[in-house]
């Protein structure tokens, strides 16, 4: 189970990294009086950065869910082990 938790933490960090890259890659403030070509370039860059952000967010959420599921499974395994030890001592 430790390997599963480590793998989910690695993907959690990868998702955060991709999310940050998407924020950094965003084109920023639009041009004041852009030509149509400049506006098209800005819109393409904005769309691309939003896609990167959505990929990063989805990787982050899936890996966070996997990490939480691993924690919950460990919690229930620990409770079951404690119940078994208490029954054996009686």
PDB file of N, CA and C in Angstrom:
ATOM      1  N   UNK A   1       0.813  -1.187   0.000  1.00  0.00           N
ATOM      2  CA  UNK A   1       0.000   0.000   0.000  1.00  0.00           C
ATOM      3  C   UNK A   1       0.866   1.264   0.000  1.00  0.00           C
ATOM      4  N   UNK A   2       2.104   1.124   0.513  1.00  0.00           N
ATOM      5  CA  UNK A   2       2.992   2.284   0.522  1.00  0.00           C
ATOM      6  C   UNK A   2       3.333   2.718  -0.898  1.00  0.00           C
ATOM      7  N   UNK A   3       3.502   1.736  -1.789  1.00  0.00           N
ATOM      8  CA  UNK A   3       3.827   2.078  -3.170  1.00  0.00           C
ATOM      9  C   UNK A   3       2.673   2.825  -3.820  1.00  0.00           C
ATOM     10  N   UNK A   4       1.465   2.394  -3.544  1.00  0.00           N
ATOM     11  CA  UNK A   4       0.284   3.067  -4.092  1.00  0.00           C
ATOM     12  C   UNK A   4       0.220   4.510  -3.607  1.00  0.00           C
ATOM     13  N   UNK A   5       0.505   4.719  -2.324  1.00  0.00           N
ATOM     14  CA  UNK A   5       0.455   6.063  -1.757  1.00  0.00           C
ATOM     15  C   UNK A   5       1.544   6.937  -2.375  1.00  0.00           C
ATOM     16  N   UNK A   6       2.733   6.362  -2.561  1.00  0.00           N
ATOM     17  CA  UNK A   6       3.826   7.128  -3.169  1.00  0.00           C
ATOM     18  C   UNK A   6       3.505   7.493  -4.607  1.00  0.00           C
ATOM     19  N   UNK A   7       2.964   6.546  -5.341  1.00  0.00           N
ATOM     20  CA  UNK A   7       2.614   6.817  -6.737  1.00  0.00           C
ATOM     21  C   UNK A   7       1.548   7.902  -6.811  1.00  0.00           C
ATOM     22  N   UNK A   8       0.556   7.841  -5.931  1.00  0.00           N
ATOM     23  CA  UNK A   8      -0.487   8.869  -5.960  1.00  0.00           C
ATOM     24  C   UNK A   8       0.076  10.226  -5.561  1.00  0.00           C
ATOM     25  N   UNK A   9       1.049  10.264  -4.652  1.00  0.00           N
ATOM     26  CA  UNK A   9       1.677  11.533  -4.296  1.00  0.00           C
ATOM     27  C   UNK A   9       2.492  12.096  -5.457  1.00  0.00           C
ATOM     28  N   UNK A  10       3.160  11.219  -6.203  1.00  0.00           N
ATOM     29  CA  UNK A  10       3.914  11.677  -7.369  1.00  0.00           C
ATOM     30  C   UNK A  10       2.965  12.290  -8.397  1.00  0.00           C
ATOM     31  N   UNK A  11       1.848  11.620  -8.660  1.00  0.00           N
ATOM     32  CA  UNK A  11       0.889  12.170  -9.615  1.00  0.00           C
ATOM     33  C   UNK A  11       0.236  13.436  -9.077  1.00  0.00           C
ATOM     34  N   UNK A  12       0.077  13.540  -7.777  1.00  0.00           N
ATOM     35  CA  UNK A  12      -0.450  14.756  -7.173  1.00  0.00           C
ATOM     36  C   UNK A  12       0.492  15.919  -7.454  1.00  0.00           C
ATOM     37  N   UNK A  13       1.782  15.700  -7.279  1.00  0.00           N
ATOM     38  CA  UNK A  13       2.764  16.742  -7.561  1.00  0.00           C
ATOM     39  C   UNK A  13       2.842  17.068  -9.052  1.00  0.00           C
ATOM     40  N   UNK A  14       2.711  16.059  -9.886  1.00  0.00           N
ATOM     41  CA  UNK A  14       2.710  16.290 -11.332  1.00  0.00           C
ATOM     42  C   UNK A  14       1.507  17.149 -11.724  1.00  0.00           C
ATOM     43  N   UNK A  15       0.342  16.845 -11.156  1.00  0.00           N
ATOM     44  CA  UNK A  15      -0.853  17.630 -11.450  1.00  0.00           C
ATOM     45  C   UNK A  15      -0.706  19.074 -11.022  1.00  0.00           C
ATOM     46  N   UNK A  16      -0.134  19.293  -9.836  1.00  0.00           N
ATOM     47  CA  UNK A  16       0.088  20.666  -9.366  1.00  0.00           C
ATOM     48  C   UNK A  16       1.068  21.382 -10.281  1.00  0.00           C
ATOM     49  N   UNK A  17       2.127  20.674 -10.706  1.00  0.00           N
ATOM     50  CA  UNK A  17       3.119  21.277 -11.603  1.00  0.00           C
ATOM     51  C   UNK A  17       2.493  21.678 -12.927  1.00  0.00           C
ATOM     52  N   UNK A  18       1.683  20.809 -13.497  1.00  0.00           N
ATOM     53  CA  UNK A  18       1.036  21.112 -14.774  1.00  0.00           C
ATOM     54  C   UNK A  18       0.067  22.278 -14.606  1.00  0.00           C
ATOM     55  N   UNK A  19      -0.620  22.324 -13.494  1.00  0.00           N
ATOM     56  CA  UNK A  19      -1.534  23.431 -13.215  1.00  0.00           C
ATOM     57  C   UNK A  19      -0.773  24.748 -13.139  1.00  0.00           C
ATOM     58  N   UNK A  20       0.369  24.752 -12.472  1.00  0.00           N
ATOM     59  CA  UNK A  20       1.185  25.964 -12.373  1.00  0.00           C
ATOM     60  C   UNK A  20       1.712  26.383 -13.744  1.00  0.00           C
ATOM     61  N   UNK A  21       2.145  25.408 -14.541  1.00  0.00           N
ATOM     62  CA  UNK A  21       2.624  25.714 -15.895  1.00  0.00           C
ATOM     63  C   UNK A  21       1.504  26.357 -16.714  1.00  0.00           C
ATOM     64  N   UNK A  22       0.282  25.871 -16.552  1.00  0.00           N
ATOM     65  CA  UNK A  22      -0.847  26.454 -17.266  1.00  0.00           C
ATOM     66  C   UNK A  22      -1.097  27.896 -16.856  1.00  0.00           C
ATOM     67  N   UNK A  23      -0.948  28.193 -15.559  1.00  0.00           N
ATOM     68  CA  UNK A  23      -1.124  29.572 -15.107  1.00  0.00           C
ATOM     69  C   UNK A  23      -0.008  30.475 -15.623  1.00  0.00           C
ATOM     70  N   UNK A  24       1.224  29.959 -15.615  1.00  0.00           N
ATOM     71  CA  UNK A  24       2.362  30.763 -16.068  1.00  0.00           C
ATOM     72  C   UNK A  24       2.302  30.994 -17.574  1.00  0.00           C
ATOM     73  N   UNK A  25       1.828  30.013 -18.316  1.00  0.00           N
ATOM     74  CA  UNK A  25       1.796  30.103 -19.769  1.00  0.00           C
ATOM     75  C   UNK A  25       0.682  31.016 -20.285  1.00  0.00           C
ATOM     76  N   UNK A  26      -0.257  31.372 -19.423  1.00  0.00           N
ATOM     77  CA  UNK A  26      -1.372  32.218 -19.859  1.00  0.00           C
ATOM     78  C   UNK A  26      -0.832  33.528 -20.433  1.00  0.00           C
ATOM     79  N   UNK A  27      -1.406  33.999 -21.542  1.00  0.00           N
ATOM     80  CA  UNK A  27      -0.845  35.168 -22.218  1.00  0.00           C
ATOM     81  C   UNK A  27      -0.934  36.469 -21.417  1.00  0.00           C
ATOM     82  N   UNK A  28      -1.722  36.532 -20.374  1.00  0.00           N
ATOM     83  CA  UNK A  28      -1.761  37.742 -19.552  1.00  0.00           C
ATOM     84  C   UNK A  28      -2.796  38.748 -20.029  1.00  0.00           C
ATOM     85  N   UNK A  29      -2.442  40.004 -19.929  1.00  0.00           N
ATOM     86  CA  UNK A  29      -3.367  41.085 -20.290  1.00  0.00           C
ATOM     87  C   UNK A  29      -3.467  41.173 -21.813  1.00  0.00           C
ATOM     88  N   UNK A  30      -4.687  41.253 -22.349  1.00  0.00           N
ATOM     89  CA  UNK A  30      -4.822  41.342 -23.813  1.00  0.00           C
ATOM     90  C   UNK A  30      -4.324  42.695 -24.339  1.00  0.00           C
ATOM     91  N   UNK A  31      -4.059  42.705 -25.630  1.00  0.00           N
ATOM     92  CA  UNK A  31      -3.599  43.936 -26.273  1.00  0.00           C
ATOM     93  C   UNK A  31      -4.692  45.002 -26.198  1.00  0.00           C
ATOM     94  N   UNK A  32      -4.261  46.271 -26.241  1.00  0.00           N
ATOM     95  CA  UNK A  32      -5.230  47.349 -26.094  1.00  0.00           C
ATOM     96  C   UNK A  32      -6.103  47.498 -27.346  1.00  0.00           C
ATOM     97  N   UNK A  33      -5.484  47.682 -28.491  1.00  0.00           N
ATOM     98  CA  UNK A  33      -6.224  47.756 -29.758  1.00  0.00           C
ATOM     99  C   UNK A  33      -5.643  46.733 -30.726  1.00  0.00           C
ATOM    100  N   UNK A  34      -5.987  45.461 -30.539  1.00  0.00           N
ATOM    101  CA  UNK A  34      -5.337  44.427 -31.346  1.00  0.00           C
ATOM    102  C   UNK A  34      -5.916  44.342 -32.754  1.00  0.00           C
ATOM    103  N   UNK A  35      -5.056  43.917 -33.662  1.00  0.00           N
ATOM    104  CA  UNK A  35      -5.542  43.573 -34.992  1.00  0.00           C
ATOM    105  C   UNK A  35      -6.208  42.208 -34.876  1.00  0.00           C
ATOM    106  N   UNK A  36      -6.849  41.792 -35.931  1.00  0.00           N
ATOM    107  CA  UNK A  36      -7.533  40.503 -35.898  1.00  0.00           C
ATOM    108  C   UNK A  36      -6.532  39.365 -35.722  1.00  0.00           C
ATOM    109  N   UNK A  37      -5.370  39.486 -36.356  1.00  0.00           N
ATOM    110  CA  UNK A  37      -4.350  38.453 -36.230  1.00  0.00           C
ATOM    111  C   UNK A  37      -3.824  38.369 -34.794  1.00  0.00           C
ATOM    112  N   UNK A  38      -3.590  39.502 -34.164  1.00  0.00           N
ATOM    113  CA  UNK A  38      -3.112  39.527 -32.771  1.00  0.00           C
ATOM    114  C   UNK A  38      -4.171  38.948 -31.837  1.00  0.00           C
ATOM    115  N   UNK A  39      -5.434  39.262 -32.119  1.00  0.00           N
ATOM    116  CA  UNK A  39      -6.515  38.745 -31.301  1.00  0.00           C
ATOM    117  C   UNK A  39      -6.627  37.226 -31.439  1.00  0.00           C
ATOM    118  N   UNK A  40      -6.447  36.725 -32.662  1.00  0.00           N
ATOM    119  CA  UNK A  40      -6.488  35.273 -32.878  1.00  0.00           C
ATOM    120  C   UNK A  40      -5.350  34.568 -32.139  1.00  0.00           C
ATOM    121  N   UNK A  41      -4.148  35.151 -32.193  1.00  0.00           N
ATOM    122  CA  UNK A  41      -3.003  34.563 -31.498  1.00  0.00           C
ATOM    123  C   UNK A  41      -3.255  34.556 -29.988  1.00  0.00           C
ATOM    124  N   UNK A  42      -3.766  35.665 -29.467  1.00  0.00           N
ATOM    125  CA  UNK A  42      -4.059  35.742 -28.029  1.00  0.00           C
ATOM    126  C   UNK A  42      -5.093  34.694 -27.634  1.00  0.00           C
ATOM    127  N   UNK A  43      -6.145  34.557 -28.425  1.00  0.00           N
ATOM    128  CA  UNK A  43      -7.199  33.578 -28.111  1.00  0.00           C
ATOM    129  C   UNK A  43      -6.670  32.144 -28.169  1.00  0.00           C
ATOM    130  N   UNK A  44      -5.790  31.852 -29.142  1.00  0.00           N
ATOM    131  CA  UNK A  44      -5.212  30.510 -29.229  1.00  0.00           C
ATOM    132  C   UNK A  44      -4.346  30.202 -28.007  1.00  0.00           C
ATOM    133  N   UNK A  45      -3.525  31.190 -27.606  1.00  0.00           N
ATOM    134  CA  UNK A  45      -2.669  30.978 -26.437  1.00  0.00           C
ATOM    135  C   UNK A  45      -3.497  30.829 -25.165  1.00  0.00           C
ATOM    136  N   UNK A  46      -4.558  31.612 -25.047  1.00  0.00           N
ATOM    137  CA  UNK A  46      -5.422  31.518 -23.870  1.00  0.00           C
ATOM    138  C   UNK A  46      -6.124  30.160 -23.833  1.00  0.00           C
ATOM    139  N   UNK A  47      -6.590  29.699 -24.987  1.00  0.00           N
ATOM    140  CA  UNK A  47      -7.256  28.402 -25.044  1.00  0.00           C
ATOM    141  C   UNK A  47      -6.283  27.274 -24.695  1.00  0.00           C
ATOM    142  N   UNK A  48      -5.075  27.360 -25.205  1.00  0.00           N
ATOM    143  CA  UNK A  48      -4.066  26.337 -24.932  1.00  0.00           C
ATOM    144  C   UNK A  48      -3.725  26.297 -23.441  1.00  0.00           C
ATOM    145  N   UNK A  49      -3.571  27.465 -22.831  1.00  0.00           N
ATOM    146  CA  UNK A  49      -3.238  27.482 -21.401  1.00  0.00           C
ATOM    147  C   UNK A  49      -4.408  26.981 -20.555  1.00  0.00           C
ATOM    148  N   UNK A  50      -5.635  27.258 -20.965  1.00  0.00           N
ATOM    149  CA  UNK A  50      -6.797  26.737 -20.238  1.00  0.00           C
ATOM    150  C   UNK A  50      -6.876  25.218 -20.348  1.00  0.00           C
ATOM    151  N   UNK A  51      -6.507  24.665 -21.505  1.00  0.00           N
ATOM    152  CA  UNK A  51      -6.479  23.210 -21.651  1.00  0.00           C
ATOM    153  C   UNK A  51      -5.423  22.593 -20.746  1.00  0.00           C
ATOM    154  N   UNK A  52      -4.251  23.219 -20.690  1.00  0.00           N
ATOM    155  CA  UNK A  52      -3.187  22.721 -19.817  1.00  0.00           C
ATOM    156  C   UNK A  52      -3.646  22.764 -18.369  1.00  0.00           C
ATOM    157  N   UNK A  53      -4.311  23.846 -17.971  1.00  0.00           N
ATOM    158  CA  UNK A  53      -4.815  23.964 -16.604  1.00  0.00           C
ATOM    159  C   UNK A  53      -5.853  22.886 -16.311  1.00  0.00           C
ATOM    160  N   UNK A  54      -6.726  22.623 -17.261  1.00  0.00           N
ATOM    161  CA  UNK A  54      -7.751  21.603 -17.014  1.00  0.00           C
ATOM    162  C   UNK A  54      -7.133  20.209 -16.918  1.00  0.00           C
ATOM    163  N   UNK A  55      -6.097  19.920 -17.719  1.00  0.00           N
ATOM    164  CA  UNK A  55      -5.407  18.638 -17.607  1.00  0.00           C
ATOM    165  C   UNK A  55      -4.733  18.514 -16.244  1.00  0.00           C
ATOM    166  N   UNK A  56      -4.065  19.567 -15.828  1.00  0.00           N
ATOM    167  CA  UNK A  56      -3.404  19.546 -14.526  1.00  0.00           C
ATOM    168  C   UNK A  56      -4.390  19.380 -13.389  1.00  0.00           C
ATOM    169  N   UNK A  57      -5.519  20.072 -13.485  1.00  0.00           N
ATOM    170  CA  UNK A  57      -6.534  19.968 -12.443  1.00  0.00           C
ATOM    171  C   UNK A  57      -7.136  18.568 -12.393  1.00  0.00           C
ATOM    172  N   UNK A  58      -7.381  17.975 -13.549  1.00  0.00           N
ATOM    173  CA  UNK A  58      -7.959  16.628 -13.553  1.00  0.00           C
ATOM    174  C   UNK A  58      -6.963  15.604 -13.010  1.00  0.00           C
ATOM    175  N   UNK A  59      -5.680  15.727 -13.362  1.00  0.00           N
ATOM    176  CA  UNK A  59      -4.673  14.820 -12.810  1.00  0.00           C
ATOM    177  C   UNK A  59      -4.589  14.999 -11.303  1.00  0.00           C
ATOM    178  N   UNK A  60      -4.607  16.245 -10.853  1.00  0.00           N
ATOM    179  CA  UNK A  60      -4.551  16.531  -9.421  1.00  0.00           C
ATOM    180  C   UNK A  60      -5.740  15.926  -8.692  1.00  0.00           C
ATOM    181  N   UNK A  61      -6.944  16.121  -9.207  1.00  0.00           N
ATOM    182  CA  UNK A  61      -8.141  15.630  -8.523  1.00  0.00           C
ATOM    183  C   UNK A  61      -8.194  14.103  -8.482  1.00  0.00           C
ATOM    184  N   UNK A  62      -7.831  13.463  -9.588  1.00  0.00           N
ATOM    185  CA  UNK A  62      -7.848  11.995  -9.614  1.00  0.00           C
ATOM    186  C   UNK A  62      -6.812  11.430  -8.643  1.00  0.00           C
ATOM    187  N   UNK A  63      -5.618  12.001  -8.640  1.00  0.00           N
ATOM    188  CA  UNK A  63      -4.585  11.493  -7.737  1.00  0.00           C
ATOM    189  C   UNK A  63      -4.909  11.819  -6.286  1.00  0.00           C
ATOM    190  N   UNK A  64      -5.549  12.956  -6.026  1.00  0.00           N
ATOM    191  CA  UNK A  64      -5.965  13.289  -4.662  1.00  0.00           C
ATOM    192  C   UNK A  64      -7.030  12.312  -4.188  1.00  0.00           C
ATOM    193  N   UNK A  65      -7.965  11.966  -5.074  1.00  0.00           N
ATOM    194  CA  UNK A  65      -8.978  10.966  -4.734  1.00  0.00           C
ATOM    195  C   UNK A  65      -8.355   9.611  -4.470  1.00  0.00           C
ATOM    196  N   UNK A  66      -7.364   9.233  -5.280  1.00  0.00           N
ATOM    197  CA  UNK A  66      -6.688   7.952  -5.073  1.00  0.00           C
ATOM    198  C   UNK A  66      -5.929   7.961  -3.750  1.00  0.00           C
ATOM    199  N   UNK A  67      -5.300   9.083  -3.430  1.00  0.00           N
ATOM    200  CA  UNK A  67      -4.578   9.193  -2.167  1.00  0.00           C
ATOM    201  C   UNK A  67      -5.536   9.069  -0.981  1.00  0.00           C
ATOM    202  N   UNK A  68      -6.683   9.741  -1.075  1.00  0.00           N
ATOM    203  CA  UNK A  68      -7.671   9.644   0.005  1.00  0.00           C
ATOM    204  C   UNK A  68      -8.230   8.235   0.128  1.00  0.00           C
ATOM    205  N   UNK A  69      -8.477   7.581  -0.990  1.00  0.00           N
ATOM    206  CA  UNK A  69      -8.964   6.210  -0.933  1.00  0.00           C
ATOM    207  C   UNK A  69      -7.941   5.294  -0.273  1.00  0.00           C
ATOM    208  N   UNK A  70      -6.666   5.503  -0.563  1.00  0.00           N
ATOM    209  CA  UNK A  70      -5.625   4.716   0.086  1.00  0.00           C
ATOM    210  C   UNK A  70      -5.592   4.946   1.585  1.00  0.00           C
ATOM    211  N   UNK A  71      -5.768   6.210   1.980  1.00  0.00           N
ATOM    212  CA  UNK A  71      -5.811   6.521   3.414  1.00  0.00           C
ATOM    213  C   UNK A  71      -7.010   5.852   4.085  1.00  0.00           C
ATOM    214  N   UNK A  72      -8.157   5.890   3.418  1.00  0.00           N
ATOM    215  CA  UNK A  72      -9.370   5.281   3.979  1.00  0.00           C
ATOM    216  C   UNK A  72      -9.198   3.769   4.092  1.00  0.00           C
ATOM    217  N   UNK A  73      -8.609   3.162   3.073  1.00  0.00           N
ATOM    218  CA  UNK A  73      -8.373   1.715   3.116  1.00  0.00           C
ATOM    219  C   UNK A  73      -7.429   1.376   4.254  1.00  0.00           C
ATOM    220  N   UNK A  74      -6.366   2.160   4.423  1.00  0.00           N
ATOM    221  CA  UNK A  74      -5.443   1.927   5.540  1.00  0.00           C
ATOM    222  C   UNK A  74      -6.138   2.097   6.878  1.00  0.00           C
ATOM    223  N   UNK A  75      -7.028   3.053   6.970  1.00  0.00           N
ATOM    224  CA  UNK A  75      -7.753   3.294   8.213  1.00  0.00           C
ATOM    225  C   UNK A  75      -8.610   2.090   8.583  1.00  0.00           C
ATOM    226  N   UNK A  76      -9.341   1.561   7.602  1.00  0.00           N
ATOM    227  CA  UNK A  76     -10.186   0.401   7.869  1.00  0.00           C
ATOM    228  C   UNK A  76      -9.367  -0.854   8.127  1.00  0.00           C
ATOM    229  N   UNK A  77      -8.242  -0.992   7.465  1.00  0.00           N
ATOM    230  CA  UNK A  77      -7.374  -2.138   7.732  1.00  0.00           C
ATOM    231  C   UNK A  77      -6.844  -2.076   9.158  1.00  0.00           C
ATOM    232  N   UNK A  78      -6.496  -0.881   9.611  1.00  0.00           N
ATOM    233  CA  UNK A  78      -6.012  -0.710  10.970  1.00  0.00           C
ATOM    234  C   UNK A  78      -7.081  -1.036  11.990  1.00  0.00           C
ATOM    235  N   UNK A  79      -8.321  -0.643  11.723  1.00  0.00           N
ATOM    236  CA  UNK A  79      -9.416  -0.958  12.641  1.00  0.00           C
ATOM    237  C   UNK A  79      -9.668  -2.457  12.695  1.00  0.00           C
ATOM    238  N   UNK A  80      -9.614  -3.107  11.547  1.00  0.00           N
ATOM    239  CA  UNK A  80      -9.837  -4.555  11.511  1.00  0.00           C
ATOM    240  C   UNK A  80      -8.722  -5.294  12.240  1.00  0.00           C
ATOM    241  N   UNK A  81      -7.493  -4.825  12.133  1.00  0.00           N
ATOM    242  CA  UNK A  81      -6.386  -5.464  12.850  1.00  0.00           C
ATOM    243  C   UNK A  81      -6.566  -5.302  14.352  1.00  0.00           C
ATOM    244  N   UNK A  82      -7.005  -4.097  14.763  1.00  0.00           N
ATOM    245  CA  UNK A  82      -7.218  -3.867  16.194  1.00  0.00           C
ATOM    246  C   UNK A  82      -8.355  -4.732  16.729  1.00  0.00           C
ATOM    247  N   UNK A  83      -9.406  -4.916  15.964  1.00  0.00           N
ATOM    248  CA  UNK A  83     -10.518  -5.767  16.399  1.00  0.00           C
ATOM    249  C   UNK A  83     -10.052  -7.212  16.549  1.00  0.00           C
ATOM    250  N   UNK A  84      -9.225  -7.661  15.624  1.00  0.00           N
ATOM    251  CA  UNK A  84      -8.717  -9.015  15.698  1.00  0.00           C
ATOM    252  C   UNK A  84      -7.813  -9.224  16.896  1.00  0.00           C
ATOM    253  N   UNK A  85      -7.020  -8.227  17.235  1.00  0.00           N
ATOM    254  CA  UNK A  85      -6.133  -8.333  18.402  1.00  0.00           C
ATOM    255  C   UNK A  85      -6.928  -8.325  19.694  1.00  0.00           C
ATOM    256  N   UNK A  86      -7.978  -7.546  19.746  1.00  0.00           N
ATOM    257  CA  UNK A  86      -8.804  -7.492  20.965  1.00  0.00           C
ATOM    258  C   UNK A  86      -9.553  -8.811  21.187  1.00  0.00           C
ATOM    259  N   UNK A  87     -10.013  -9.431  20.128  1.00  0.00           N
ATOM    260  CA  UNK A  87     -10.736 -10.686  20.246  1.00  0.00           C
ATOM    261  C   UNK A  87      -9.802 -11.821  20.667  1.00  0.00           C
ATOM    262  N   UNK A  88      -8.555 -11.764  20.186  1.00  0.00           N
ATOM    263  CA  UNK A  88      -7.587 -12.808  20.526  1.00  0.00           C
ATOM    264  C   UNK A  88      -7.189 -12.749  22.005  1.00  0.00           C
ATOM    265  N   UNK A  89      -7.166 -11.550  22.566  1.00  0.00           N
ATOM    266  CA  UNK A  89      -6.721 -11.415  23.954  1.00  0.00           C
ATOM    267  C   UNK A  89      -7.790 -11.862  24.942  1.00  0.00           C
ATOM    268  N   UNK A  90      -9.046 -11.998  24.517  1.00  0.00           N
ATOM    269  CA  UNK A  90     -10.140 -12.401  25.426  1.00  0.00           C
ATOM    270  C   UNK A  90     -10.158 -13.846  25.623  1.00  0.00           C
TER     271      UNK A  90
END
